C-alpha cells in the first residue's frame, strides 16, 4: 500500500474537450491509483480559469468538436499557456489526446481560419483535402522501458506535421498516424505526450497508464515509486484485442 502518496491531476476543459469516451482515461488512472492505495485528487480548469503550474503533477486535455476547439484554443492561449509551459518544463505529465494534441503545436489551419496553438511542441496541423483518417491503429513507442505497443482508435480530419525539433511518440505499425504519410504518431517532449489515439487510450494500454502515474509521482516526490503489480488479465486482453484489430486491417 502507498497511502502516503497522492496523484494530483487536473482536467483541462473537461466539459468542452470530451468526445469518444476519453474521460475514461481519468477514471482508469483513478482506479489504478486506488487499487494500490495511492490517493487521487482530481481538479478541473475551464474557460477563463487560471492554472497553478506547481499544484498538479498530471494534466489531461481531451479532444472536442471543431466549434469547441475554436473556443478552447483562444481561451487556453490567453489564460493557461504560460502556466502550462512552466509545468512541462518542471517535469509535469501532460497527456493531450486528439484535439488536445493539435493544440500543443503552433497553430491549426482550418481552411481560411488559423487557430492559435500553445507552442509547446514543434508541430503544425492543417485541414487538407481528403477523407478523415479513421480506424484502429497500433504504434511502437519507447517511454524509457524499451519498445512497447500502444493500440487505439483514430478519427481526425486534421493532418499534423512535426517540425525538425519535435520527437514523435512512436512509429506506426498499422493505421494512419499523424498525417497518413510519414509513419509517425503523436509527439513527445519530456513528460508531455500528444497523440491521436483514443477510444479511450489508457484502458487499452495499462502499461502506459502506469508509466505516466510513475512519472507524475516522481515529479512530486523526487523519485519514481515502484508501483505494486496488479492483476491485469482483463487489461492485457483489451490491449490484445485493440492491437489485433489494428494489425489485421
C-alpha atoms as a PDB file:
ATOM      1  CA  UNK A   1       0.000   0.000   0.000  1.00  0.00           C
ATOM      2  CA  UNK A   2       1.140   3.554  -0.747  1.00  0.00           C
ATOM      3  CA  UNK A   3      -1.222   5.669   1.348  1.00  0.00           C
ATOM      4  CA  UNK A   4       1.473   8.308   1.803  1.00  0.00           C
ATOM      5  CA  UNK A   5       1.417   9.003  -1.957  1.00  0.00           C
ATOM      6  CA  UNK A   6      -1.038  11.205  -3.820  1.00  0.00           C
ATOM      7  CA  UNK A   7      -1.514  11.712  -7.537  1.00  0.00           C
ATOM      8  CA  UNK A   8      -2.732  15.238  -8.290  1.00  0.00           C
ATOM      9  CA  UNK A   9      -4.452  15.527 -11.665  1.00  0.00           C
ATOM     10  CA  UNK A  10      -6.184  18.419 -13.348  1.00  0.00           C
ATOM     11  CA  UNK A  11      -8.509  18.048 -16.323  1.00  0.00           C
ATOM     12  CA  UNK A  12      -8.394  20.962 -18.749  1.00  0.00           C
ATOM     13  CA  UNK A  13     -11.738  21.973 -20.273  1.00  0.00           C
ATOM     14  CA  UNK A  14     -13.461  18.695 -19.329  1.00  0.00           C
ATOM     15  CA  UNK A  15     -16.877  19.958 -20.474  1.00  0.00           C
ATOM     16  CA  UNK A  16     -15.680  21.187 -23.855  1.00  0.00           C
ATOM     17  CA  UNK A  17     -12.963  18.648 -24.727  1.00  0.00           C
ATOM     18  CA  UNK A  18     -14.509  15.248 -24.110  1.00  0.00           C
ATOM     19  CA  UNK A  19     -15.519  13.049 -27.030  1.00  0.00           C
ATOM     20  CA  UNK A  20     -15.124   9.350 -27.829  1.00  0.00           C
ATOM     21  CA  UNK A  21     -15.329   8.429 -24.125  1.00  0.00           C
ATOM     22  CA  UNK A  22     -11.905   9.903 -23.456  1.00  0.00           C
ATOM     23  CA  UNK A  23     -12.967  10.885 -19.943  1.00  0.00           C
ATOM     24  CA  UNK A  24     -12.484   7.186 -19.255  1.00  0.00           C
ATOM     25  CA  UNK A  25      -8.743   7.870 -19.206  1.00  0.00           C
ATOM     26  CA  UNK A  26      -9.114   9.803 -15.954  1.00  0.00           C
ATOM     27  CA  UNK A  27     -11.334   7.139 -14.404  1.00  0.00           C
ATOM     28  CA  UNK A  28      -8.799   4.460 -15.320  1.00  0.00           C
ATOM     29  CA  UNK A  29      -5.963   6.434 -13.707  1.00  0.00           C
ATOM     30  CA  UNK A  30      -8.077   6.901 -10.591  1.00  0.00           C
ATOM     31  CA  UNK A  31      -8.852   3.202 -10.300  1.00  0.00           C
ATOM     32  CA  UNK A  32      -5.242   2.111 -10.755  1.00  0.00           C
ATOM     33  CA  UNK A  33      -4.177   4.513  -8.038  1.00  0.00           C
ATOM     34  CA  UNK A  34      -6.946   3.445  -5.663  1.00  0.00           C
ATOM     35  CA  UNK A  35      -6.202  -0.248  -6.160  1.00  0.00           C
ATOM     36  CA  UNK A  36      -2.671   0.493  -4.970  1.00  0.00           C
ATOM     37  CA  UNK A  37      -3.712   2.673  -2.041  1.00  0.00           C
ATOM     38  CA  UNK A  38      -2.475   5.861  -3.750  1.00  0.00           C
ATOM     39  CA  UNK A  39      -4.646   8.899  -3.049  1.00  0.00           C
ATOM     40  CA  UNK A  40      -6.112  10.510  -6.158  1.00  0.00           C
ATOM     41  CA  UNK A  41      -7.051  14.192  -6.285  1.00  0.00           C
ATOM     42  CA  UNK A  42      -8.786  15.474  -9.407  1.00  0.00           C
ATOM     43  CA  UNK A  43      -9.487  19.123 -10.213  1.00  0.00           C
ATOM     44  CA  UNK A  44     -10.672  20.934 -13.317  1.00  0.00           C
ATOM     45  CA  UNK A  45      -9.829  24.168 -15.094  1.00  0.00           C
ATOM     46  CA  UNK A  46     -12.230  25.576 -17.670  1.00  0.00           C
ATOM     47  CA  UNK A  47     -12.723  28.735 -19.718  1.00  0.00           C
ATOM     48  CA  UNK A  48     -11.232  31.842 -18.159  1.00  0.00           C
ATOM     49  CA  UNK A  49      -9.754  29.960 -15.220  1.00  0.00           C
ATOM     50  CA  UNK A  50      -6.081  30.128 -14.367  1.00  0.00           C
ATOM     51  CA  UNK A  51      -3.694  27.318 -13.571  1.00  0.00           C
ATOM     52  CA  UNK A  52      -1.103  26.890 -10.825  1.00  0.00           C
ATOM     53  CA  UNK A  53       1.811  25.072 -12.507  1.00  0.00           C
ATOM     54  CA  UNK A  54       3.027  23.625  -9.201  1.00  0.00           C
ATOM     55  CA  UNK A  55      -0.302  22.358  -7.871  1.00  0.00           C
ATOM     56  CA  UNK A  56      -0.800  19.373 -10.188  1.00  0.00           C
ATOM     57  CA  UNK A  57       1.593  16.751 -11.494  1.00  0.00           C
ATOM     58  CA  UNK A  58      -0.666  15.247 -14.180  1.00  0.00           C
ATOM     59  CA  UNK A  59      -2.508  17.437 -16.674  1.00  0.00           C
ATOM     60  CA  UNK A  60      -5.079  15.993 -19.057  1.00  0.00           C
ATOM     61  CA  UNK A  61      -6.561  17.532 -22.206  1.00  0.00           C
ATOM     62  CA  UNK A  62      -9.020  15.599 -24.369  1.00  0.00           C
ATOM     63  CA  UNK A  63     -10.491  16.216 -27.792  1.00  0.00           C
ATOM     64  CA  UNK A  64     -13.503  18.200 -28.913  1.00  0.00           C
ATOM     65  CA  UNK A  65     -15.613  19.176 -31.886  1.00  0.00           C
ATOM     66  CA  UNK A  66     -14.300  21.990 -34.109  1.00  0.00           C
ATOM     67  CA  UNK A  67     -16.612  24.579 -32.535  1.00  0.00           C
ATOM     68  CA  UNK A  68     -15.424  23.700 -29.033  1.00  0.00           C
ATOM     69  CA  UNK A  69     -11.799  23.550 -30.118  1.00  0.00           C
ATOM     70  CA  UNK A  70     -12.055  27.063 -31.560  1.00  0.00           C
ATOM     71  CA  UNK A  71     -13.251  28.474 -28.241  1.00  0.00           C
ATOM     72  CA  UNK A  72     -10.784  26.465 -26.177  1.00  0.00           C
ATOM     73  CA  UNK A  73      -7.798  27.395 -28.362  1.00  0.00           C
ATOM     74  CA  UNK A  74      -8.222  31.122 -27.844  1.00  0.00           C
ATOM     75  CA  UNK A  75      -9.017  30.789 -24.144  1.00  0.00           C
ATOM     76  CA  UNK A  76      -6.156  28.434 -23.384  1.00  0.00           C
ATOM     77  CA  UNK A  77      -3.588  30.612 -25.083  1.00  0.00           C
ATOM     78  CA  UNK A  78      -4.867  33.628 -23.151  1.00  0.00           C
ATOM     79  CA  UNK A  79      -5.330  32.061 -19.723  1.00  0.00           C
ATOM     80  CA  UNK A  80      -3.074  29.000 -19.431  1.00  0.00           C
ATOM     81  CA  UNK A  81      -0.205  28.975 -21.935  1.00  0.00           C
ATOM     82  CA  UNK A  82       2.437  30.406 -19.619  1.00  0.00           C
ATOM     83  CA  UNK A  83       1.449  28.145 -16.713  1.00  0.00           C
ATOM     84  CA  UNK A  84       1.355  25.037 -18.903  1.00  0.00           C
ATOM     85  CA  UNK A  85       4.797  25.790 -20.282  1.00  0.00           C
ATOM     86  CA  UNK A  86       6.145  26.233 -16.755  1.00  0.00           C
ATOM     87  CA  UNK A  87       4.591  22.948 -15.603  1.00  0.00           C
ATOM     88  CA  UNK A  88       6.003  20.995 -18.559  1.00  0.00           C
ATOM     89  CA  UNK A  89       9.465  22.481 -18.105  1.00  0.00           C
ATOM     90  CA  UNK A  90       9.300  21.412 -14.457  1.00  0.00           C
ATOM     91  CA  UNK A  91       8.538  17.782 -15.306  1.00  0.00           C
ATOM     92  CA  UNK A  92       4.760  17.601 -15.030  1.00  0.00           C
ATOM     93  CA  UNK A  93       2.994  14.955 -17.097  1.00  0.00           C
ATOM     94  CA  UNK A  94       0.660  16.244 -19.797  1.00  0.00           C
ATOM     95  CA  UNK A  95      -1.441  13.825 -21.828  1.00  0.00           C
ATOM     96  CA  UNK A  96      -3.220  15.523 -24.730  1.00  0.00           C
ATOM     97  CA  UNK A  97      -5.493  13.444 -26.953  1.00  0.00           C
ATOM     98  CA  UNK A  98      -6.704  14.199 -30.493  1.00  0.00           C
ATOM     99  CA  UNK A  99      -7.890  17.829 -30.483  1.00  0.00           C
ATOM    100  CA  UNK A 100      -5.799  18.441 -27.381  1.00  0.00           C
ATOM    101  CA  UNK A 101      -2.765  17.107 -29.238  1.00  0.00           C
ATOM    102  CA  UNK A 102      -3.389  19.522 -32.104  1.00  0.00           C
ATOM    103  CA  UNK A 103      -3.483  22.460 -29.694  1.00  0.00           C
ATOM    104  CA  UNK A 104       0.030  21.676 -28.401  1.00  0.00           C
ATOM    105  CA  UNK A 105       1.548  22.980 -31.634  1.00  0.00           C
ATOM    106  CA  UNK A 106       1.987  26.383 -33.196  1.00  0.00           C
ATOM    107  CA  UNK A 107      -1.384  26.511 -34.953  1.00  0.00           C
ATOM    108  CA  UNK A 108      -4.205  24.550 -36.601  1.00  0.00           C
ATOM    109  CA  UNK A 109      -5.152  25.724 -40.086  1.00  0.00           C
ATOM    110  CA  UNK A 110      -8.897  25.225 -40.722  1.00  0.00           C
ATOM    111  CA  UNK A 111      -9.478  26.500 -44.245  1.00  0.00           C
ATOM    112  CA  UNK A 112      -9.046  30.267 -44.115  1.00  0.00           C
ATOM    113  CA  UNK A 113      -9.047  30.230 -40.309  1.00  0.00           C
ATOM    114  CA  UNK A 114      -5.933  29.612 -38.219  1.00  0.00           C
ATOM    115  CA  UNK A 115      -6.476  28.533 -34.614  1.00  0.00           C
ATOM    116  CA  UNK A 116      -3.685  29.567 -32.243  1.00  0.00           C
ATOM    117  CA  UNK A 117      -1.705  26.845 -30.509  1.00  0.00           C
ATOM    118  CA  UNK A 118       0.157  26.675 -27.239  1.00  0.00           C
ATOM    119  CA  UNK A 119       3.570  26.392 -28.919  1.00  0.00           C
ATOM    120  CA  UNK A 120       4.623  23.641 -26.509  1.00  0.00           C
ATOM    121  CA  UNK A 121       5.626  21.328 -29.364  1.00  0.00           C
ATOM    122  CA  UNK A 122       7.168  21.985 -32.754  1.00  0.00           C
ATOM    123  CA  UNK A 123       4.263  20.918 -34.943  1.00  0.00           C
ATOM    124  CA  UNK A 124       1.596  22.295 -37.229  1.00  0.00           C
ATOM    125  CA  UNK A 125      -1.831  20.893 -38.047  1.00  0.00           C
ATOM    126  CA  UNK A 126      -3.733  21.593 -41.265  1.00  0.00           C
ATOM    127  CA  UNK A 127      -7.086  20.508 -42.657  1.00  0.00           C
ATOM    128  CA  UNK A 128      -6.168  19.176 -46.096  1.00  0.00           C
ATOM    129  CA  UNK A 129      -8.462  17.861 -48.844  1.00  0.00           C
ATOM    130  CA  UNK A 130      -9.284  14.203 -48.479  1.00  0.00           C
ATOM    131  CA  UNK A 131     -11.144  11.818 -46.240  1.00  0.00           C
ATOM    132  CA  UNK A 132     -10.859  11.750 -42.473  1.00  0.00           C
ATOM    133  CA  UNK A 133      -8.221   9.398 -41.081  1.00  0.00           C
ATOM    134  CA  UNK A 134     -10.327   6.818 -39.266  1.00  0.00           C
ATOM    135  CA  UNK A 135      -9.651   3.355 -37.928  1.00  0.00           C
ATOM    136  CA  UNK A 136      -7.857   1.143 -35.467  1.00  0.00           C
ATOM    137  CA  UNK A 137      -4.187   1.967 -35.054  1.00  0.00           C
ATOM    138  CA  UNK A 138      -1.140   0.433 -33.401  1.00  0.00           C
ATOM    139  CA  UNK A 139       2.211   2.115 -32.838  1.00  0.00           C
ATOM    140  CA  UNK A 140       5.537   1.189 -31.281  1.00  0.00           C
ATOM    141  CA  UNK A 141       6.775   3.600 -28.619  1.00  0.00           C
ATOM    142  CA  UNK A 142       9.582   3.700 -26.069  1.00  0.00           C
ATOM    143  CA  UNK A 143       8.961   5.683 -22.888  1.00  0.00           C
ATOM    144  CA  UNK A 144      12.182   4.598 -21.244  1.00  0.00           C
ATOM    145  CA  UNK A 145      11.499   0.920 -20.587  1.00  0.00           C
ATOM    146  CA  UNK A 146      12.090  -0.385 -24.109  1.00  0.00           C
ATOM    147  CA  UNK A 147       9.798  -0.553 -27.153  1.00  0.00           C
ATOM    148  CA  UNK A 148       6.170  -1.408 -26.431  1.00  0.00           C
ATOM    149  CA  UNK A 149       2.932  -1.351 -28.381  1.00  0.00           C
ATOM    150  CA  UNK A 150       0.239   1.280 -27.928  1.00  0.00           C
ATOM    151  CA  UNK A 151      -3.119   0.472 -29.520  1.00  0.00           C
ATOM    152  CA  UNK A 152      -6.147   2.672 -30.003  1.00  0.00           C
ATOM    153  CA  UNK A 153      -8.560   4.301 -32.426  1.00  0.00           C
ATOM    154  CA  UNK A 154      -8.099   7.415 -34.537  1.00  0.00           C
ATOM    155  CA  UNK A 155     -10.627   9.724 -36.155  1.00  0.00           C
ATOM    156  CA  UNK A 156      -9.268  13.071 -37.303  1.00  0.00           C
ATOM    157  CA  UNK A 157      -9.624  15.390 -40.248  1.00  0.00           C
ATOM    158  CA  UNK A 158      -6.517  17.402 -39.411  1.00  0.00           C
ATOM    159  CA  UNK A 159      -3.076  16.319 -40.597  1.00  0.00           C
ATOM    160  CA  UNK A 160      -0.275  17.006 -38.146  1.00  0.00           C
ATOM    161  CA  UNK A 161       3.321  17.534 -39.262  1.00  0.00           C
ATOM    162  CA  UNK A 162       6.207  17.539 -36.809  1.00  0.00           C
ATOM    163  CA  UNK A 163       8.958  20.105 -37.138  1.00  0.00           C
ATOM    164  CA  UNK A 164      12.661  19.357 -37.025  1.00  0.00           C
ATOM    165  CA  UNK A 165      12.727  19.947 -33.276  1.00  0.00           C
ATOM    166  CA  UNK A 166       9.923  17.511 -32.423  1.00  0.00           C
ATOM    167  CA  UNK A 167      10.121  13.862 -31.374  1.00  0.00           C
ATOM    168  CA  UNK A 168       7.230  11.536 -32.247  1.00  0.00           C
ATOM    169  CA  UNK A 169       5.556   9.445 -29.590  1.00  0.00           C
ATOM    170  CA  UNK A 170       6.067   6.400 -31.798  1.00  0.00           C
ATOM    171  CA  UNK A 171       6.129   4.858 -35.236  1.00  0.00           C
ATOM    172  CA  UNK A 172       3.016   3.498 -36.889  1.00  0.00           C
ATOM    173  CA  UNK A 173       2.719  -0.273 -37.157  1.00  0.00           C
ATOM    174  CA  UNK A 174      -0.722  -0.093 -38.735  1.00  0.00           C
ATOM    175  CA  UNK A 175      -3.040   2.850 -39.256  1.00  0.00           C
ATOM    176  CA  UNK A 176      -2.618   6.448 -40.376  1.00  0.00           C
ATOM    177  CA  UNK A 177      -0.865   8.261 -37.529  1.00  0.00           C
ATOM    178  CA  UNK A 178      -0.271  11.987 -37.631  1.00  0.00           C
ATOM    179  CA  UNK A 179      -0.918  12.511 -41.327  1.00  0.00           C
ATOM    180  CA  UNK A 180      -1.101   9.174 -43.138  1.00  0.00           C
ATOM    181  CA  UNK A 181       2.194   9.849 -44.922  1.00  0.00           C
ATOM    182  CA  UNK A 182       5.313   9.861 -42.759  1.00  0.00           C
ATOM    183  CA  UNK A 183       4.639   6.866 -40.491  1.00  0.00           C
ATOM    184  CA  UNK A 184       4.856   8.917 -37.305  1.00  0.00           C
ATOM    185  CA  UNK A 185       2.307   9.171 -34.494  1.00  0.00           C
ATOM    186  CA  UNK A 186       1.950  11.722 -31.761  1.00  0.00           C
ATOM    187  CA  UNK A 187       4.609  13.851 -30.152  1.00  0.00           C
ATOM    188  CA  UNK A 188       6.660  13.615 -27.008  1.00  0.00           C
ATOM    189  CA  UNK A 189       8.600  16.287 -25.183  1.00  0.00           C
ATOM    190  CA  UNK A 190       9.855  15.349 -21.731  1.00  0.00           C
ATOM    191  CA  UNK A 191       6.794  14.095 -19.864  1.00  0.00           C
ATOM    192  CA  UNK A 192       4.385  15.702 -22.330  1.00  0.00           C
ATOM    193  CA  UNK A 193       2.608  13.366 -24.732  1.00  0.00           C
ATOM    194  CA  UNK A 194       0.266  14.246 -27.567  1.00  0.00           C
ATOM    195  CA  UNK A 195      -1.484  11.524 -29.554  1.00  0.00           C
ATOM    196  CA  UNK A 196      -4.421  10.869 -31.870  1.00  0.00           C
ATOM    197  CA  UNK A 197      -5.106   7.516 -30.174  1.00  0.00           C
ATOM    198  CA  UNK A 198      -8.263   7.455 -28.150  1.00  0.00           C
ATOM    199  CA  UNK A 199     -11.438   5.498 -27.633  1.00  0.00           C
ATOM    200  CA  UNK A 200     -10.244   5.831 -24.720  1.00  0.00           C
ATOM    201  CA  UNK A 201      -6.485   5.245 -24.770  1.00  0.00           C
ATOM    202  CA  UNK A 202      -5.358   4.232 -21.276  1.00  0.00           C
ATOM    203  CA  UNK A 203      -7.787   1.360 -20.522  1.00  0.00           C
ATOM    204  CA  UNK A 204      -6.417  -0.295 -23.681  1.00  0.00           C
ATOM    205  CA  UNK A 205      -2.812   0.294 -22.609  1.00  0.00           C
ATOM    206  CA  UNK A 206      -2.445  -0.242 -18.869  1.00  0.00           C
ATOM    207  CA  UNK A 207       1.335  -0.190 -19.044  1.00  0.00           C
ATOM    208  CA  UNK A 208       1.185   3.352 -20.433  1.00  0.00           C
ATOM    209  CA  UNK A 209      -1.159   4.470 -17.655  1.00  0.00           C
ATOM    210  CA  UNK A 210       1.250   3.089 -15.058  1.00  0.00           C
ATOM    211  CA  UNK A 211       4.226   4.741 -16.706  1.00  0.00           C
ATOM    212  CA  UNK A 212       2.503   8.124 -16.618  1.00  0.00           C
ATOM    213  CA  UNK A 213       1.431   7.611 -12.996  1.00  0.00           C
ATOM    214  CA  UNK A 214       5.029   6.852 -12.027  1.00  0.00           C
ATOM    215  CA  UNK A 215       6.351   9.921 -13.874  1.00  0.00           C
ATOM    216  CA  UNK A 216       3.794  12.185 -12.187  1.00  0.00           C
ATOM    217  CA  UNK A 217       4.608  10.822  -8.734  1.00  0.00           C
ATOM    218  CA  UNK A 218       8.328  11.196  -9.423  1.00  0.00           C
ATOM    219  CA  UNK A 219       7.808  14.864 -10.147  1.00  0.00           C
ATOM    220  CA  UNK A 220       6.215  15.430  -6.744  1.00  0.00           C
ATOM    221  CA  UNK A 221       8.290  13.116  -4.565  1.00  0.00           C
ATOM    222  CA  UNK A 222      11.669  13.229  -6.272  1.00  0.00           C
ATOM    223  CA  UNK A 223      11.968   9.556  -7.138  1.00  0.00           C
ATOM    224  CA  UNK A 224       9.944   7.081  -9.130  1.00  0.00           C
ATOM    225  CA  UNK A 225       7.989   4.723  -6.851  1.00  0.00           C
ATOM    226  CA  UNK A 226       7.807   1.007  -7.509  1.00  0.00           C
ATOM    227  CA  UNK A 227       4.160   0.520  -8.341  1.00  0.00           C
ATOM    228  CA  UNK A 228       2.520  -2.553  -6.871  1.00  0.00           C
ATOM    229  CA  UNK A 229       1.707  -5.086  -9.622  1.00  0.00           C
ATOM    230  CA  UNK A 230      -1.990  -5.531 -10.410  1.00  0.00           C
ATOM    231  CA  UNK A 231      -3.963  -8.390 -11.851  1.00  0.00           C
ATOM    232  CA  UNK A 232      -4.122  -7.092 -15.417  1.00  0.00           C
ATOM    233  CA  UNK A 233      -5.663 -10.092 -17.154  1.00  0.00           C
ATOM    234  CA  UNK A 234      -8.575  -8.046 -18.487  1.00  0.00           C
ATOM    235  CA  UNK A 235      -6.394  -5.052 -19.337  1.00  0.00           C
ATOM    236  CA  UNK A 236      -3.944  -7.215 -21.303  1.00  0.00           C
ATOM    237  CA  UNK A 237      -6.854  -8.805 -23.135  1.00  0.00           C
ATOM    238  CA  UNK A 238      -8.206  -5.353 -24.015  1.00  0.00           C
ATOM    239  CA  UNK A 239      -4.850  -4.293 -25.414  1.00  0.00           C
ATOM    240  CA  UNK A 240      -4.536  -7.529 -27.353  1.00  0.00           C
ATOM    241  CA  UNK A 241      -7.945  -7.043 -28.939  1.00  0.00           C
ATOM    242  CA  UNK A 242      -7.197  -3.449 -29.863  1.00  0.00           C
ATOM    243  CA  UNK A 243      -3.780  -4.358 -31.258  1.00  0.00           C
ATOM    244  CA  UNK A 244      -5.099  -7.279 -33.253  1.00  0.00           C
ATOM    245  CA  UNK A 245      -7.962  -5.192 -34.650  1.00  0.00           C
ATOM    246  CA  UNK A 246      -5.408  -2.725 -35.997  1.00  0.00           C
ATOM    247  CA  UNK A 247      -2.910  -5.242 -37.339  1.00  0.00           C
ATOM    248  CA  UNK A 248      -5.444  -7.334 -39.243  1.00  0.00           C
ATOM    249  CA  UNK A 249      -6.870  -4.354 -41.134  1.00  0.00           C
END
